[in-house]
């Protein structure tokens, strides 16, 4: 049976969420659970590289 874990948050940086997700995956894999990490960028039809840091919450 497939189960999903979503790591979300507006306060923690993308790097922090990535580290948290990778750490959780490492713990689960050490217990013999098969894990696949997928990063999903929620911007639709927008390039976040051209947005102001204030617009997408970096500041």
PDB file of N, CA and C in Angstrom:
ATOM      1  N   UNK A   1       0.839  -1.174   0.000  1.00  0.00           N
ATOM      2  CA  UNK A   1       0.000   0.000   0.000  1.00  0.00           C
ATOM      3  C   UNK A   1       0.889   1.243   0.000  1.00  0.00           C
ATOM      4  N   UNK A   2       0.635   2.145  -0.919  1.00  0.00           N
ATOM      5  CA  UNK A   2       1.418   3.365  -1.033  1.00  0.00           C
ATOM      6  C   UNK A   2       0.957   4.384  -0.006  1.00  0.00           C
ATOM      7  N   UNK A   3       1.934   5.015   0.635  1.00  0.00           N
ATOM      8  CA  UNK A   3       1.647   6.091   1.587  1.00  0.00           C
ATOM      9  C   UNK A   3       2.468   7.299   1.181  1.00  0.00           C
ATOM     10  N   UNK A   4       1.958   8.475   1.473  1.00  0.00           N
ATOM     11  CA  UNK A   4       2.616   9.714   1.079  1.00  0.00           C
ATOM     12  C   UNK A   4       2.923  10.562   2.305  1.00  0.00           C
ATOM     13  N   UNK A   5       4.065  11.261   2.258  1.00  0.00           N
ATOM     14  CA  UNK A   5       4.423  12.242   3.277  1.00  0.00           C
ATOM     15  C   UNK A   5       4.722  13.532   2.540  1.00  0.00           C
ATOM     16  N   UNK A   6       4.027  14.594   2.892  1.00  0.00           N
ATOM     17  CA  UNK A   6       4.255  15.897   2.282  1.00  0.00           C
ATOM     18  C   UNK A   6       4.995  16.778   3.277  1.00  0.00           C
ATOM     19  N   UNK A   7       6.097  17.392   2.828  1.00  0.00           N
ATOM     20  CA  UNK A   7       6.836  18.343   3.656  1.00  0.00           C
ATOM     21  C   UNK A   7       6.553  19.714   3.072  1.00  0.00           C
ATOM     22  N   UNK A   8       5.808  20.528   3.808  1.00  0.00           N
ATOM     23  CA  UNK A   8       5.432  21.853   3.330  1.00  0.00           C
ATOM     24  C   UNK A   8       5.767  22.885   4.391  1.00  0.00           C
ATOM     25  N   UNK A   9       5.655  24.141   4.025  1.00  0.00           N
ATOM     26  CA  UNK A   9       5.853  25.205   5.001  1.00  0.00           C
ATOM     27  C   UNK A   9       6.276  26.479   4.316  1.00  0.00           C
ATOM     28  N   UNK A  10       5.827  27.581   4.848  1.00  0.00           N
ATOM     29  CA  UNK A  10       6.163  28.871   4.271  1.00  0.00           C
ATOM     30  C   UNK A  10       7.298  29.565   4.980  1.00  0.00           C
ATOM     31  N   UNK A  11       7.624  29.137   6.200  1.00  0.00           N
ATOM     32  CA  UNK A  11       8.639  29.827   6.982  1.00  0.00           C
ATOM     33  C   UNK A  11      10.020  29.243   6.732  1.00  0.00           C
ATOM     34  N   UNK A  12      10.093  27.934   6.591  1.00  0.00           N
ATOM     35  CA  UNK A  12      11.369  27.261   6.375  1.00  0.00           C
ATOM     36  C   UNK A  12      11.761  27.427   4.913  1.00  0.00           C
ATOM     37  N   UNK A  13      13.041  27.667   4.663  1.00  0.00           N
ATOM     38  CA  UNK A  13      13.502  27.829   3.286  1.00  0.00           C
ATOM     39  C   UNK A  13      13.371  26.518   2.524  1.00  0.00           C
ATOM     40  N   UNK A  14      13.480  26.604   1.205  1.00  0.00           N
ATOM     41  CA  UNK A  14      13.431  25.388   0.384  1.00  0.00           C
ATOM     42  C   UNK A  14      14.554  24.436   0.756  1.00  0.00           C
ATOM     43  N   UNK A  15      15.714  24.992   1.077  1.00  0.00           N
ATOM     44  CA  UNK A  15      16.841  24.159   1.485  1.00  0.00           C
ATOM     45  C   UNK A  15      16.502  23.410   2.771  1.00  0.00           C
ATOM     46  N   UNK A  16      15.876  24.103   3.715  1.00  0.00           N
ATOM     47  CA  UNK A  16      15.500  23.468   4.983  1.00  0.00           C
ATOM     48  C   UNK A  16      14.487  22.357   4.790  1.00  0.00           C
ATOM     49  N   UNK A  17      13.501  22.583   3.908  1.00  0.00           N
ATOM     50  CA  UNK A  17      12.497  21.550   3.636  1.00  0.00           C
ATOM     51  C   UNK A  17      13.134  20.365   2.929  1.00  0.00           C
ATOM     52  N   UNK A  18      14.073  20.636   2.045  1.00  0.00           N
ATOM     53  CA  UNK A  18      14.766  19.559   1.338  1.00  0.00           C
ATOM     54  C   UNK A  18      15.597  18.709   2.283  1.00  0.00           C
ATOM     55  N   UNK A  19      16.272  19.366   3.218  1.00  0.00           N
ATOM     56  CA  UNK A  19      17.076  18.630   4.197  1.00  0.00           C
ATOM     57  C   UNK A  19      16.171  17.797   5.096  1.00  0.00           C
ATOM     58  N   UNK A  20      15.045  18.370   5.512  1.00  0.00           N
ATOM     59  CA  UNK A  20      14.102  17.627   6.360  1.00  0.00           C
ATOM     60  C   UNK A  20      13.553  16.412   5.616  1.00  0.00           C
ATOM     61  N   UNK A  21      13.183  16.592   4.351  1.00  0.00           N
ATOM     62  CA  UNK A  21      12.636  15.483   3.564  1.00  0.00           C
ATOM     63  C   UNK A  21      13.694  14.405   3.335  1.00  0.00           C
ATOM     64  N   UNK A  22      14.923  14.819   3.024  1.00  0.00           N
ATOM     65  CA  UNK A  22      16.001  13.854   2.789  1.00  0.00           C
ATOM     66  C   UNK A  22      16.347  13.094   4.066  1.00  0.00           C
ATOM     67  N   UNK A  23      16.333  13.789   5.193  1.00  0.00           N
ATOM     68  CA  UNK A  23      16.621  13.133   6.472  1.00  0.00           C
ATOM     69  C   UNK A  23      15.546  12.110   6.817  1.00  0.00           C
ATOM     70  N   UNK A  24      14.295  12.492   6.612  1.00  0.00           N
ATOM     71  CA  UNK A  24      13.193  11.568   6.869  1.00  0.00           C
ATOM     72  C   UNK A  24      13.294  10.346   5.953  1.00  0.00           C
ATOM     73  N   UNK A  25      13.637  10.584   4.691  1.00  0.00           N
ATOM     74  CA  UNK A  25      13.794   9.476   3.744  1.00  0.00           C
ATOM     75  C   UNK A  25      14.920   8.542   4.181  1.00  0.00           C
ATOM     76  N   UNK A  26      16.023   9.109   4.664  1.00  0.00           N
ATOM     77  CA  UNK A  26      17.144   8.280   5.115  1.00  0.00           C
ATOM     78  C   UNK A  26      16.749   7.423   6.316  1.00  0.00           C
ATOM     79  N   UNK A  27      15.979   8.009   7.232  1.00  0.00           N
ATOM     80  CA  UNK A  27      15.522   7.244   8.402  1.00  0.00           C
ATOM     81  C   UNK A  27      14.606   6.101   7.969  1.00  0.00           C
ATOM     82  N   UNK A  28      13.662   6.404   7.076  1.00  0.00           N
ATOM     83  CA  UNK A  28      12.734   5.368   6.613  1.00  0.00           C
ATOM     84  C   UNK A  28      13.462   4.269   5.850  1.00  0.00           C
ATOM     85  N   UNK A  29      14.431   4.663   4.993  1.00  0.00           N
ATOM     86  CA  UNK A  29      15.191   3.664   4.238  1.00  0.00           C
ATOM     87  C   UNK A  29      16.024   2.784   5.162  1.00  0.00           C
ATOM     88  N   UNK A  30      16.539   3.354   6.250  1.00  0.00           N
ATOM     89  CA  UNK A  30      17.327   2.552   7.192  1.00  0.00           C
ATOM     90  C   UNK A  30      16.466   1.495   7.877  1.00  0.00           C
ATOM     91  N   UNK A  31      15.151   1.697   7.869  1.00  0.00           N
ATOM     92  CA  UNK A  31      14.219   0.717   8.447  1.00  0.00           C
ATOM     93  C   UNK A  31      13.652  -0.221   7.381  1.00  0.00           C
ATOM     94  N   UNK A  32      14.199  -0.137   6.155  1.00  0.00           N
ATOM     95  CA  UNK A  32      13.797  -1.064   5.105  1.00  0.00           C
ATOM     96  C   UNK A  32      12.598  -0.629   4.286  1.00  0.00           C
ATOM     97  N   UNK A  33      12.206   0.625   4.407  1.00  0.00           N
ATOM     98  CA  UNK A  33      11.061   1.132   3.651  1.00  0.00           C
ATOM     99  C   UNK A  33      11.578   1.789   2.376  1.00  0.00           C
ATOM    100  N   UNK A  34      10.986   1.436   1.254  1.00  0.00           N
ATOM    101  CA  UNK A  34      11.391   2.024  -0.024  1.00  0.00           C
ATOM    102  C   UNK A  34      10.842   3.446  -0.119  1.00  0.00           C
ATOM    103  N   UNK A  35      11.709   4.403  -0.444  1.00  0.00           N
ATOM    104  CA  UNK A  35      11.338   5.821  -0.452  1.00  0.00           C
ATOM    105  C   UNK A  35      11.741   6.445  -1.777  1.00  0.00           C
ATOM    106  N   UNK A  36      10.884   7.307  -2.307  1.00  0.00           N
ATOM    107  CA  UNK A  36      11.200   8.117  -3.478  1.00  0.00           C
ATOM    108  C   UNK A  36      10.884   9.566  -3.140  1.00  0.00           C
ATOM    109  N   UNK A  37      11.888  10.438  -3.214  1.00  0.00           N
ATOM    110  CA  UNK A  37      11.672  11.862  -2.970  1.00  0.00           C
ATOM    111  C   UNK A  37      11.334  12.550  -4.283  1.00  0.00           C
ATOM    112  N   UNK A  38      10.332  13.396  -4.259  1.00  0.00           N
ATOM    113  CA  UNK A  38       9.953  14.182  -5.427  1.00  0.00           C
ATOM    114  C   UNK A  38       9.802  15.628  -4.989  1.00  0.00           C
ATOM    115  N   UNK A  39      10.512  16.535  -5.658  1.00  0.00           N
ATOM    116  CA  UNK A  39      10.365  17.957  -5.356  1.00  0.00           C
ATOM    117  C   UNK A  39       9.343  18.537  -6.321  1.00  0.00           C
ATOM    118  N   UNK A  40       8.382  19.218  -5.775  1.00  0.00           N
ATOM    119  CA  UNK A  40       7.326  19.820  -6.579  1.00  0.00           C
ATOM    120  C   UNK A  40       7.389  21.322  -6.403  1.00  0.00           C
ATOM    121  N   UNK A  41       7.550  22.040  -7.494  1.00  0.00           N
ATOM    122  CA  UNK A  41       7.575  23.499  -7.445  1.00  0.00           C
ATOM    123  C   UNK A  41       6.170  23.998  -7.742  1.00  0.00           C
ATOM    124  N   UNK A  42       5.531  24.672  -6.802  1.00  0.00           N
ATOM    125  CA  UNK A  42       4.117  25.014  -6.957  1.00  0.00           C
ATOM    126  C   UNK A  42       3.817  26.166  -7.908  1.00  0.00           C
ATOM    127  N   UNK A  43       4.826  26.710  -8.542  1.00  0.00           N
ATOM    128  CA  UNK A  43       4.581  27.831  -9.448  1.00  0.00           C
ATOM    129  C   UNK A  43       4.064  27.310 -10.785  1.00  0.00           C
ATOM    130  N   UNK A  44       2.899  27.762 -11.211  1.00  0.00           N
ATOM    131  CA  UNK A  44       2.316  27.345 -12.476  1.00  0.00           C
ATOM    132  C   UNK A  44       2.448  28.498 -13.467  1.00  0.00           C
ATOM    133  N   UNK A  45       3.096  28.240 -14.590  1.00  0.00           N
ATOM    134  CA  UNK A  45       3.298  29.228 -15.653  1.00  0.00           C
ATOM    135  C   UNK A  45       4.045  30.464 -15.173  1.00  0.00           C
ATOM    136  N   UNK A  46       4.895  30.309 -14.168  1.00  0.00           N
ATOM    137  CA  UNK A  46       5.698  31.420 -13.657  1.00  0.00           C
ATOM    138  C   UNK A  46       7.106  30.895 -13.418  1.00  0.00           C
ATOM    139  N   UNK A  47       8.100  31.680 -13.805  1.00  0.00           N
ATOM    140  CA  UNK A  47       9.485  31.328 -13.520  1.00  0.00           C
ATOM    141  C   UNK A  47       9.882  32.026 -12.224  1.00  0.00           C
ATOM    142  N   UNK A  48      10.046  31.306 -11.109  1.00  0.00           N
ATOM    143  CA  UNK A  48      10.365  31.953  -9.847  1.00  0.00           C
ATOM    144  C   UNK A  48      11.710  32.679  -9.881  1.00  0.00           C
ATOM    145  N   UNK A  49      12.567  32.339 -10.844  1.00  0.00           N
ATOM    146  CA  UNK A  49      13.844  33.033 -10.967  1.00  0.00           C
ATOM    147  C   UNK A  49      13.696  34.479 -11.389  1.00  0.00           C
ATOM    148  N   UNK A  50      12.574  34.808 -12.024  1.00  0.00           N
ATOM    149  CA  UNK A  50      12.351  36.192 -12.455  1.00  0.00           C
ATOM    150  C   UNK A  50      11.457  36.961 -11.488  1.00  0.00           C
ATOM    151  N   UNK A  51      10.991  36.302 -10.429  1.00  0.00           N
ATOM    152  CA  UNK A  51      10.130  36.966  -9.455  1.00  0.00           C
ATOM    153  C   UNK A  51      10.969  37.664  -8.390  1.00  0.00           C
ATOM    154  N   UNK A  52      10.397  38.680  -7.798  1.00  0.00           N
ATOM    155  CA  UNK A  52      11.025  39.348  -6.668  1.00  0.00           C
ATOM    156  C   UNK A  52      11.046  38.388  -5.481  1.00  0.00           C
ATOM    157  N   UNK A  53      12.124  38.399  -4.681  1.00  0.00           N
ATOM    158  CA  UNK A  53      12.154  37.534  -3.493  1.00  0.00           C
ATOM    159  C   UNK A  53      10.981  37.791  -2.546  1.00  0.00           C
ATOM    160  N   UNK A  54      10.459  39.000  -2.542  1.00  0.00           N
ATOM    161  CA  UNK A  54       9.307  39.315  -1.693  1.00  0.00           C
ATOM    162  C   UNK A  54       8.048  38.613  -2.203  1.00  0.00           C
ATOM    163  N   UNK A  55       7.942  38.432  -3.538  1.00  0.00           N
ATOM    164  CA  UNK A  55       6.748  37.820  -4.120  1.00  0.00           C
ATOM    165  C   UNK A  55       6.606  36.350  -3.759  1.00  0.00           C
ATOM    166  N   UNK A  56       7.734  35.642  -3.707  1.00  0.00           N
ATOM    167  CA  UNK A  56       7.609  34.210  -3.438  1.00  0.00           C
ATOM    168  C   UNK A  56       8.168  33.806  -2.081  1.00  0.00           C
ATOM    169  N   UNK A  57       8.319  34.771  -1.181  1.00  0.00           N
ATOM    170  CA  UNK A  57       8.537  34.471   0.224  1.00  0.00           C
ATOM    171  C   UNK A  57       9.944  34.161   0.678  1.00  0.00           C
ATOM    172  N   UNK A  58      10.959  34.614  -0.061  1.00  0.00           N
ATOM    173  CA  UNK A  58      12.325  34.383   0.399  1.00  0.00           C
ATOM    174  C   UNK A  58      12.731  35.362   1.479  1.00  0.00           C
ATOM    175  N   UNK A  59      12.056  36.488   1.537  1.00  0.00           N
ATOM    176  CA  UNK A  59      12.438  37.533   2.503  1.00  0.00           C
ATOM    177  C   UNK A  59      11.417  37.593   3.602  1.00  0.00           C
TER     178      UNK A  59
END
